[in-house]
C-alpha cells in the first residue's frame, strides 16, 4: 500500500517556515539609513570636507545656538568621548567655539563661529536637496503618512527602551 496522508493539506516546507530578517521593519529602516548615509557622507566629504558625524554636530549646535558637550553628545546619540574628539577637530578648523555656559558656572557651552555658520548656510541647502531627492519617489500623501508613521514608531521605540531599562534595573 502507498503512503496516504489524512486530510488534503500539505505541510509547509522548511523554507517557508524560516523567518526572514529582511521582512522586519527594523532591518528595512537600517538598510535605508545605511544606504542614505553612505550617499550623503560621500557628498558632504566631497563638497564640504565634512564627515557625517561632523555635520551632525554642527547642525545640532546650529539649531540649539549653544549646547554643552553632554547635551550635544546625547542629542547626536554619540558617547561623550566621540563627541569630544569631533568637537576638538571642529574647533581646530575654526567652526566651533567654547565659552562659559551661562546656566552652569563650571560648564562650557559650544557654539558655531561665523565660519561655522557660513558653512551651515552652504551645506544645509544640499542636505534639503538630498532629502527631497530621497522622498521624490513618494506622493505627497505617502510622504505625509510616512512622517506620521515614523513619529509614532519613534515614540513607540522610546517607550520600549524605557520599559527595557526599567526591567534591566530590576534584575
N, C-alpha and C. Protein backbone atom coordinates (compact mmCIF):
# COMPACT_ATOMS: atom_id res chain seq x y z
N UNK A 1 0.82 -1.18 0.00
CA UNK A 1 0.00 0.00 0.00
C UNK A 1 0.87 1.25 0.00
N UNK A 2 0.42 2.31 -0.66
CA UNK A 2 1.16 3.56 -0.73
C UNK A 2 0.93 4.41 0.50
N UNK A 3 1.79 5.38 0.65
CA UNK A 3 1.63 6.30 1.77
C UNK A 3 0.50 7.26 1.45
N UNK A 4 -0.45 7.35 2.34
CA UNK A 4 -1.53 8.30 2.19
C UNK A 4 -1.54 9.21 3.41
N UNK A 5 -1.90 10.41 3.18
CA UNK A 5 -1.95 11.37 4.27
C UNK A 5 -3.40 11.65 4.59
N UNK A 6 -3.68 11.76 5.85
CA UNK A 6 -5.02 12.09 6.26
C UNK A 6 -5.22 13.58 6.02
N UNK A 7 -6.30 13.95 5.41
CA UNK A 7 -6.57 15.35 5.12
C UNK A 7 -5.89 15.74 3.81
N UNK A 8 -6.28 16.89 3.28
CA UNK A 8 -5.76 17.30 1.99
C UNK A 8 -4.69 18.38 2.09
N UNK A 9 -4.43 18.90 3.30
CA UNK A 9 -3.45 19.98 3.45
C UNK A 9 -2.04 19.41 3.43
N UNK A 10 -1.18 20.07 2.70
CA UNK A 10 0.22 19.72 2.72
C UNK A 10 0.91 20.58 3.77
N UNK A 11 1.90 20.03 4.42
CA UNK A 11 2.62 20.82 5.40
C UNK A 11 3.58 21.75 4.66
N UNK A 12 3.77 22.95 5.18
CA UNK A 12 4.67 23.89 4.53
C UNK A 12 6.10 23.38 4.57
N UNK A 13 6.86 23.73 3.57
CA UNK A 13 8.26 23.31 3.54
C UNK A 13 9.04 24.06 4.60
N UNK A 14 10.21 23.53 4.94
CA UNK A 14 11.06 24.19 5.94
C UNK A 14 11.42 25.60 5.50
N UNK A 15 11.61 25.80 4.19
CA UNK A 15 11.98 27.11 3.68
C UNK A 15 10.89 28.14 3.96
N UNK A 16 9.64 27.73 3.84
CA UNK A 16 8.53 28.64 4.07
C UNK A 16 8.40 29.03 5.54
N UNK A 17 8.90 28.18 6.43
CA UNK A 17 8.79 28.45 7.86
C UNK A 17 9.95 29.28 8.39
N UNK A 18 11.02 29.41 7.62
CA UNK A 18 12.19 30.14 8.07
C UNK A 18 11.88 31.63 8.17
N UNK A 19 12.16 32.22 9.30
CA UNK A 19 11.96 33.67 9.41
C UNK A 19 12.96 34.39 8.51
N UNK A 20 12.54 35.48 7.93
CA UNK A 20 13.39 36.25 7.04
C UNK A 20 13.62 37.62 7.65
N UNK A 21 14.83 37.86 8.09
CA UNK A 21 15.21 39.12 8.71
C UNK A 21 14.85 40.31 7.83
N UNK A 22 14.94 40.14 6.53
CA UNK A 22 14.68 41.23 5.59
C UNK A 22 13.23 41.72 5.62
N UNK A 23 12.34 40.95 6.22
CA UNK A 23 10.94 41.35 6.31
C UNK A 23 10.65 42.23 7.52
N UNK A 24 11.59 42.32 8.44
CA UNK A 24 11.39 43.13 9.64
C UNK A 24 11.56 44.61 9.33
N UNK A 25 10.67 45.43 9.88
CA UNK A 25 10.74 46.87 9.67
C UNK A 25 12.08 47.41 10.18
N UNK A 26 12.55 46.89 11.30
CA UNK A 26 13.83 47.37 11.84
C UNK A 26 14.97 47.14 10.85
N UNK A 27 14.98 46.01 10.18
CA UNK A 27 16.01 45.71 9.18
C UNK A 27 15.88 46.66 7.99
N UNK A 28 14.67 46.86 7.54
CA UNK A 28 14.44 47.71 6.37
C UNK A 28 14.83 49.16 6.66
N UNK A 29 14.50 49.64 7.86
CA UNK A 29 14.87 51.01 8.24
C UNK A 29 16.39 51.15 8.32
N UNK A 30 17.05 50.13 8.88
CA UNK A 30 18.51 50.16 8.99
C UNK A 30 19.15 50.16 7.59
N UNK A 31 18.60 49.34 6.70
CA UNK A 31 19.13 49.28 5.34
C UNK A 31 18.97 50.64 4.65
N UNK A 32 17.81 51.24 4.75
CA UNK A 32 17.57 52.56 4.17
C UNK A 32 18.53 53.58 4.76
N UNK A 33 18.66 53.58 6.08
CA UNK A 33 19.54 54.52 6.75
C UNK A 33 20.99 54.35 6.30
N UNK A 34 21.44 53.12 6.21
CA UNK A 34 22.83 52.87 5.80
C UNK A 34 23.07 53.34 4.37
N UNK A 35 22.17 53.02 3.47
CA UNK A 35 22.34 53.43 2.07
C UNK A 35 22.33 54.95 1.94
N UNK A 36 21.37 55.59 2.57
CA UNK A 36 21.27 57.04 2.50
C UNK A 36 22.47 57.71 3.16
N UNK A 37 22.91 57.17 4.30
CA UNK A 37 24.07 57.74 4.99
C UNK A 37 25.34 57.63 4.16
N UNK A 38 25.53 56.52 3.48
CA UNK A 38 26.71 56.37 2.62
C UNK A 38 26.70 57.42 1.52
N UNK A 39 25.54 57.65 0.94
CA UNK A 39 25.43 58.65 -0.13
C UNK A 39 25.70 60.05 0.41
N UNK A 40 25.02 60.42 1.48
CA UNK A 40 25.19 61.78 2.00
C UNK A 40 26.60 61.99 2.55
N UNK A 41 27.17 60.96 3.18
CA UNK A 41 28.54 61.09 3.69
C UNK A 41 29.51 61.38 2.55
N UNK A 42 29.31 60.72 1.44
CA UNK A 42 30.17 60.94 0.28
C UNK A 42 30.02 62.38 -0.24
N UNK A 43 28.79 62.84 -0.33
CA UNK A 43 28.53 64.20 -0.82
C UNK A 43 29.15 65.22 0.13
N UNK A 44 28.94 65.07 1.45
CA UNK A 44 29.47 66.03 2.42
C UNK A 44 31.00 66.06 2.39
N UNK A 45 31.61 64.89 2.25
CA UNK A 45 33.07 64.84 2.21
C UNK A 45 33.60 65.48 0.92
N UNK A 46 33.00 65.13 -0.19
CA UNK A 46 33.47 65.62 -1.49
C UNK A 46 33.26 67.13 -1.64
N UNK A 47 32.08 67.60 -1.26
CA UNK A 47 31.76 69.01 -1.49
C UNK A 47 32.20 69.96 -0.38
N UNK A 48 32.25 69.45 0.87
CA UNK A 48 32.48 70.36 2.00
C UNK A 48 33.61 69.92 2.92
N UNK A 49 34.23 68.77 2.66
CA UNK A 49 35.31 68.28 3.52
C UNK A 49 34.84 67.92 4.92
N UNK A 50 33.58 67.48 5.05
CA UNK A 50 32.99 67.14 6.34
C UNK A 50 32.66 65.66 6.41
N UNK A 51 32.88 65.07 7.58
CA UNK A 51 32.36 63.73 7.81
C UNK A 51 30.89 63.85 8.20
N UNK A 52 30.18 62.76 8.13
CA UNK A 52 28.77 62.76 8.52
C UNK A 52 28.64 63.14 10.00
N UNK A 53 29.52 62.62 10.85
CA UNK A 53 29.46 62.94 12.28
C UNK A 53 29.76 64.42 12.54
N UNK A 54 30.70 64.99 11.81
CA UNK A 54 30.99 66.42 11.96
C UNK A 54 29.76 67.25 11.58
N UNK A 55 29.14 66.89 10.47
CA UNK A 55 27.96 67.63 10.03
C UNK A 55 26.83 67.51 11.06
N UNK A 56 26.66 66.32 11.60
CA UNK A 56 25.59 66.12 12.58
C UNK A 56 25.78 67.05 13.78
N UNK A 57 27.01 67.14 14.29
CA UNK A 57 27.25 68.01 15.45
C UNK A 57 27.09 69.48 15.09
N UNK A 58 27.62 69.88 13.94
CA UNK A 58 27.48 71.27 13.51
C UNK A 58 26.00 71.64 13.38
N UNK A 59 25.22 70.77 12.76
CA UNK A 59 23.79 71.05 12.56
C UNK A 59 23.05 71.13 13.89
N UNK A 60 23.39 70.25 14.83
CA UNK A 60 22.73 70.29 16.14
C UNK A 60 23.09 71.57 16.90
N UNK A 61 24.36 71.96 16.86
CA UNK A 61 24.76 73.20 17.53
C UNK A 61 24.06 74.39 16.87
N UNK A 62 23.98 74.37 15.56
CA UNK A 62 23.31 75.46 14.84
C UNK A 62 21.86 75.59 15.28
N UNK A 63 21.17 74.48 15.40
CA UNK A 63 19.76 74.51 15.79
C UNK A 63 19.59 75.03 17.21
N UNK A 64 20.48 74.60 18.12
CA UNK A 64 20.35 74.98 19.53
C UNK A 64 20.90 76.37 19.83
N UNK A 65 21.85 76.82 19.03
CA UNK A 65 22.52 78.09 19.33
C UNK A 65 23.75 77.87 20.17
N UNK A 66 23.61 77.12 21.25
CA UNK A 66 24.72 76.75 22.12
C UNK A 66 24.32 75.51 22.89
N UNK A 67 25.26 74.61 23.09
CA UNK A 67 24.99 73.36 23.80
C UNK A 67 26.19 72.96 24.63
N UNK A 68 25.94 72.30 25.75
CA UNK A 68 27.03 71.69 26.49
C UNK A 68 27.47 70.43 25.73
N UNK A 69 28.66 69.96 26.00
CA UNK A 69 29.15 68.75 25.33
C UNK A 69 28.26 67.55 25.67
N UNK A 70 27.86 67.45 26.94
CA UNK A 70 26.99 66.33 27.34
C UNK A 70 25.68 66.33 26.57
N UNK A 71 25.08 67.48 26.47
CA UNK A 71 23.79 67.59 25.76
C UNK A 71 23.97 67.34 24.27
N UNK A 72 25.05 67.84 23.70
CA UNK A 72 25.33 67.61 22.29
C UNK A 72 25.51 66.12 22.01
N UNK A 73 26.29 65.45 22.84
CA UNK A 73 26.52 64.02 22.67
C UNK A 73 25.20 63.26 22.78
N UNK A 74 24.39 63.64 23.74
CA UNK A 74 23.10 62.98 23.93
C UNK A 74 22.20 63.16 22.71
N UNK A 75 22.10 64.38 22.21
CA UNK A 75 21.23 64.65 21.06
C UNK A 75 21.73 63.96 19.79
N UNK A 76 23.05 63.81 19.67
CA UNK A 76 23.62 63.16 18.49
C UNK A 76 23.62 61.63 18.63
N UNK A 77 23.32 61.14 19.83
CA UNK A 77 23.39 59.71 20.13
C UNK A 77 24.81 59.19 19.98
N UNK A 78 25.79 60.00 20.45
CA UNK A 78 27.20 59.64 20.48
C UNK A 78 27.62 59.51 21.94
N UNK A 79 28.66 58.71 22.19
CA UNK A 79 29.21 58.75 23.54
C UNK A 79 30.00 60.05 23.68
N UNK A 80 30.21 60.46 24.92
CA UNK A 80 30.83 61.76 25.17
C UNK A 80 32.24 61.83 24.59
N UNK A 81 32.98 60.73 24.62
CA UNK A 81 34.34 60.72 24.09
C UNK A 81 34.37 60.99 22.60
N UNK A 82 33.49 60.35 21.84
CA UNK A 82 33.43 60.57 20.40
C UNK A 82 33.05 62.02 20.11
N UNK A 83 32.02 62.51 20.80
CA UNK A 83 31.59 63.90 20.58
C UNK A 83 32.73 64.86 20.90
N UNK A 84 33.47 64.61 21.95
CA UNK A 84 34.57 65.48 22.33
C UNK A 84 35.66 65.50 21.26
N UNK A 85 36.02 64.35 20.72
CA UNK A 85 37.05 64.29 19.67
C UNK A 85 36.61 65.05 18.42
N UNK A 86 35.35 64.91 18.07
CA UNK A 86 34.84 65.62 16.89
C UNK A 86 34.84 67.12 17.14
N UNK A 87 34.41 67.54 18.32
CA UNK A 87 34.39 68.97 18.66
C UNK A 87 35.79 69.55 18.60
N UNK A 88 36.80 68.82 19.08
CA UNK A 88 38.18 69.31 19.02
C UNK A 88 38.58 69.54 17.57
N UNK A 89 38.25 68.61 16.67
CA UNK A 89 38.57 68.79 15.25
C UNK A 89 37.85 70.01 14.68
N UNK A 90 36.59 70.19 15.06
CA UNK A 90 35.81 71.33 14.56
C UNK A 90 36.37 72.65 15.09
N UNK A 91 36.85 72.64 16.33
CA UNK A 91 37.49 73.84 16.90
C UNK A 91 38.77 74.16 16.14
N UNK A 92 39.57 73.12 15.87
CA UNK A 92 40.82 73.31 15.15
C UNK A 92 40.58 73.89 13.76
N UNK A 93 39.44 73.59 13.18
CA UNK A 93 39.09 74.12 11.86
C UNK A 93 38.41 75.49 11.96
N UNK A 94 38.21 75.97 13.18
CA UNK A 94 37.61 77.29 13.37
C UNK A 94 36.11 77.33 13.17
N UNK A 95 35.44 76.18 13.32
CA UNK A 95 33.99 76.11 13.08
C UNK A 95 33.18 76.16 14.37
N UNK A 96 33.78 75.73 15.48
CA UNK A 96 33.09 75.68 16.77
C UNK A 96 33.93 76.41 17.81
N UNK A 97 33.25 77.13 18.70
CA UNK A 97 33.92 77.85 19.79
C UNK A 97 33.35 77.38 21.12
N UNK A 98 34.18 77.48 22.14
CA UNK A 98 33.76 77.19 23.52
C UNK A 98 33.71 78.50 24.30
N UNK A 99 32.68 78.64 25.13
CA UNK A 99 32.59 79.79 26.01
C UNK A 99 31.93 79.34 27.30
N UNK A 100 32.06 80.13 28.36
CA UNK A 100 31.42 79.74 29.62
C UNK A 100 29.91 79.56 29.43
N UNK A 101 29.38 78.55 30.07
CA UNK A 101 27.95 78.27 29.99
C UNK A 101 27.21 79.18 30.97
N UNK A 102 26.33 80.03 30.46
CA UNK A 102 25.64 80.97 31.37
C UNK A 102 24.74 80.26 32.38
N UNK A 103 24.31 79.04 32.10
CA UNK A 103 23.42 78.34 33.03
C UNK A 103 24.19 77.44 33.99
N UNK A 104 25.52 77.30 33.80
CA UNK A 104 26.34 76.45 34.67
C UNK A 104 27.71 77.11 34.79
N UNK A 105 28.00 77.66 35.95
CA UNK A 105 29.24 78.42 36.14
C UNK A 105 30.48 77.59 35.83
N UNK A 106 30.44 76.28 36.05
CA UNK A 106 31.60 75.43 35.78
C UNK A 106 31.56 74.83 34.38
N UNK A 107 30.45 75.00 33.68
CA UNK A 107 30.27 74.37 32.39
C UNK A 107 30.77 75.19 31.22
N UNK A 108 30.81 74.52 30.07
CA UNK A 108 31.23 75.16 28.83
C UNK A 108 30.13 74.95 27.80
N UNK A 109 29.83 76.00 27.08
CA UNK A 109 28.83 75.92 26.01
C UNK A 109 29.55 75.95 24.67
N UNK A 110 29.09 75.14 23.75
CA UNK A 110 29.63 75.09 22.40
C UNK A 110 28.71 75.85 21.47
N UNK A 111 29.30 76.67 20.63
CA UNK A 111 28.51 77.41 19.64
C UNK A 111 29.31 77.47 18.34
N UNK A 112 28.62 77.84 17.28
CA UNK A 112 29.28 77.96 15.99
C UNK A 112 29.96 79.32 15.87
N UNK A 113 31.10 79.32 15.24
CA UNK A 113 31.78 80.57 14.90
C UNK A 113 31.10 81.12 13.64
N UNK A 114 31.52 82.29 13.22
CA UNK A 114 30.99 82.84 11.97
C UNK A 114 31.30 81.90 10.80
N UNK A 115 32.49 81.30 10.81
CA UNK A 115 32.85 80.34 9.75
C UNK A 115 31.94 79.11 9.81
N UNK A 116 31.60 78.68 11.02
CA UNK A 116 30.69 77.54 11.18
C UNK A 116 29.30 77.86 10.66
N UNK A 117 28.83 79.06 10.96
CA UNK A 117 27.52 79.49 10.47
C UNK A 117 27.51 79.61 8.95
N UNK A 118 28.60 80.10 8.39
CA UNK A 118 28.69 80.22 6.93
C UNK A 118 28.69 78.84 6.28
N UNK A 119 29.35 77.87 6.93
CA UNK A 119 29.36 76.50 6.41
C UNK A 119 27.95 75.91 6.43
N UNK A 120 27.21 76.12 7.51
CA UNK A 120 25.83 75.64 7.59
C UNK A 120 25.01 76.24 6.44
N UNK A 121 25.21 77.51 6.17
CA UNK A 121 24.47 78.18 5.09
C UNK A 121 24.78 77.55 3.73
N UNK A 122 25.96 76.96 3.58
CA UNK A 122 26.31 76.28 2.33
C UNK A 122 25.85 74.83 2.31
N UNK A 123 25.94 74.14 3.45
CA UNK A 123 25.65 72.70 3.49
C UNK A 123 24.15 72.43 3.58
N UNK A 124 23.42 73.22 4.35
CA UNK A 124 22.02 72.88 4.58
C UNK A 124 21.19 72.81 3.30
N UNK A 125 21.37 73.70 2.34
CA UNK A 125 20.61 73.55 1.09
C UNK A 125 20.89 72.21 0.39
N UNK A 126 22.13 71.75 0.47
CA UNK A 126 22.48 70.44 -0.10
C UNK A 126 21.76 69.32 0.66
N UNK A 127 21.72 69.45 1.98
CA UNK A 127 21.02 68.48 2.82
C UNK A 127 19.54 68.42 2.46
N UNK A 128 18.92 69.57 2.33
CA UNK A 128 17.50 69.63 1.97
C UNK A 128 17.27 69.03 0.58
N UNK A 129 18.18 69.29 -0.34
CA UNK A 129 18.06 68.75 -1.69
C UNK A 129 18.16 67.22 -1.68
N UNK A 130 19.11 66.69 -0.93
CA UNK A 130 19.26 65.23 -0.83
C UNK A 130 18.01 64.60 -0.20
N UNK A 131 17.47 65.25 0.82
CA UNK A 131 16.27 64.76 1.47
C UNK A 131 15.09 64.75 0.50
N UNK A 132 14.97 65.83 -0.26
CA UNK A 132 13.89 65.92 -1.25
C UNK A 132 14.06 64.86 -2.34
N UNK A 133 15.29 64.66 -2.75
CA UNK A 133 15.57 63.64 -3.78
C UNK A 133 15.20 62.24 -3.27
N UNK A 134 15.52 61.94 -2.01
CA UNK A 134 15.18 60.64 -1.44
C UNK A 134 13.67 60.43 -1.45
N UNK A 135 12.93 61.45 -1.10
CA UNK A 135 11.47 61.33 -1.00
C UNK A 135 10.75 61.51 -2.33
N UNK A 136 11.49 61.79 -3.39
CA UNK A 136 10.87 62.08 -4.69
C UNK A 136 10.10 60.89 -5.26
N UNK A 137 10.36 59.70 -4.78
CA UNK A 137 9.64 58.51 -5.26
C UNK A 137 8.27 58.36 -4.59
N UNK A 138 7.97 59.22 -3.61
CA UNK A 138 6.71 59.15 -2.87
C UNK A 138 5.77 60.27 -3.31
N UNK A 139 4.48 59.97 -3.25
CA UNK A 139 3.48 61.01 -3.47
C UNK A 139 3.41 61.88 -2.22
N UNK A 140 2.74 63.01 -2.32
CA UNK A 140 2.55 63.89 -1.16
C UNK A 140 1.84 63.14 -0.04
N UNK A 141 0.82 62.38 -0.38
CA UNK A 141 0.08 61.61 0.62
C UNK A 141 0.99 60.58 1.29
N UNK A 142 1.83 59.92 0.51
CA UNK A 142 2.75 58.93 1.08
C UNK A 142 3.77 59.59 1.99
N UNK A 143 4.27 60.77 1.62
CA UNK A 143 5.21 61.50 2.48
C UNK A 143 4.55 61.87 3.81
N UNK A 144 3.30 62.29 3.74
CA UNK A 144 2.57 62.65 4.97
C UNK A 144 2.38 61.43 5.87
N UNK A 145 1.97 60.32 5.27
CA UNK A 145 1.77 59.09 6.04
C UNK A 145 3.10 58.62 6.63
N UNK A 146 4.16 58.68 5.83
CA UNK A 146 5.48 58.27 6.32
C UNK A 146 5.90 59.11 7.52
N UNK A 147 5.75 60.42 7.43
CA UNK A 147 6.14 61.30 8.54
C UNK A 147 5.37 60.94 9.80
N UNK A 148 4.08 60.71 9.66
CA UNK A 148 3.25 60.35 10.81
C UNK A 148 3.64 58.99 11.36
N UNK A 149 3.87 58.02 10.48
CA UNK A 149 4.25 56.67 10.91
C UNK A 149 5.60 56.69 11.62
N UNK A 150 6.56 57.42 11.08
CA UNK A 150 7.88 57.48 11.72
C UNK A 150 7.79 58.13 13.10
N UNK A 151 6.97 59.16 13.21
CA UNK A 151 6.79 59.81 14.51
C UNK A 151 6.20 58.82 15.53
N UNK A 152 5.19 58.08 15.12
CA UNK A 152 4.57 57.10 16.01
C UNK A 152 5.54 55.99 16.38
N UNK A 153 6.30 55.52 15.41
CA UNK A 153 7.25 54.43 15.67
C UNK A 153 8.40 54.91 16.56
N UNK A 154 8.82 56.15 16.41
CA UNK A 154 9.86 56.69 17.28
C UNK A 154 9.35 56.78 18.71
N UNK A 155 8.12 57.23 18.88
CA UNK A 155 7.52 57.28 20.21
C UNK A 155 7.45 55.87 20.81
N UNK A 156 7.03 54.89 20.01
CA UNK A 156 6.92 53.52 20.49
C UNK A 156 8.30 52.96 20.85
N UNK A 157 9.32 53.25 20.03
CA UNK A 157 10.66 52.76 20.31
C UNK A 157 11.20 53.35 21.61
N UNK A 158 10.89 54.64 21.87
CA UNK A 158 11.31 55.27 23.13
C UNK A 158 10.63 54.58 24.32
N UNK A 159 9.34 54.31 24.18
CA UNK A 159 8.61 53.64 25.25
C UNK A 159 9.18 52.24 25.50
N UNK A 160 9.50 51.54 24.44
CA UNK A 160 10.08 50.20 24.57
C UNK A 160 11.44 50.27 25.26
N UNK A 161 12.26 51.28 24.90
CA UNK A 161 13.57 51.43 25.53
C UNK A 161 13.42 51.76 27.01
N UNK A 162 12.51 52.65 27.34
CA UNK A 162 12.26 52.98 28.75
C UNK A 162 11.84 51.74 29.52
N UNK A 163 10.97 50.96 28.94
CA UNK A 163 10.49 49.74 29.59
C UNK A 163 11.65 48.74 29.78
N UNK A 164 12.50 48.61 28.77
CA UNK A 164 13.64 47.70 28.87
C UNK A 164 14.61 48.17 29.95
N UNK A 165 14.85 49.46 30.03
CA UNK A 165 15.74 49.99 31.05
C UNK A 165 15.19 49.74 32.44
N UNK A 166 13.88 49.89 32.60
CA UNK A 166 13.25 49.60 33.90
C UNK A 166 13.39 48.12 34.24
N UNK A 167 13.17 47.25 33.28
CA UNK A 167 13.29 45.82 33.50
C UNK A 167 14.73 45.44 33.86
N UNK A 168 15.68 46.01 33.16
CA UNK A 168 17.09 45.71 33.42
C UNK A 168 17.50 46.21 34.81
N UNK A 169 16.95 47.34 35.24
CA UNK A 169 17.29 47.90 36.55
C UNK A 169 16.75 47.01 37.67
N UNK A 170 15.68 46.29 37.40
CA UNK A 170 15.08 45.42 38.42
C UNK A 170 15.83 44.10 38.57
N UNK A 171 16.64 43.77 37.59
CA UNK A 171 17.37 42.49 37.66
C UNK A 171 18.62 42.58 38.48
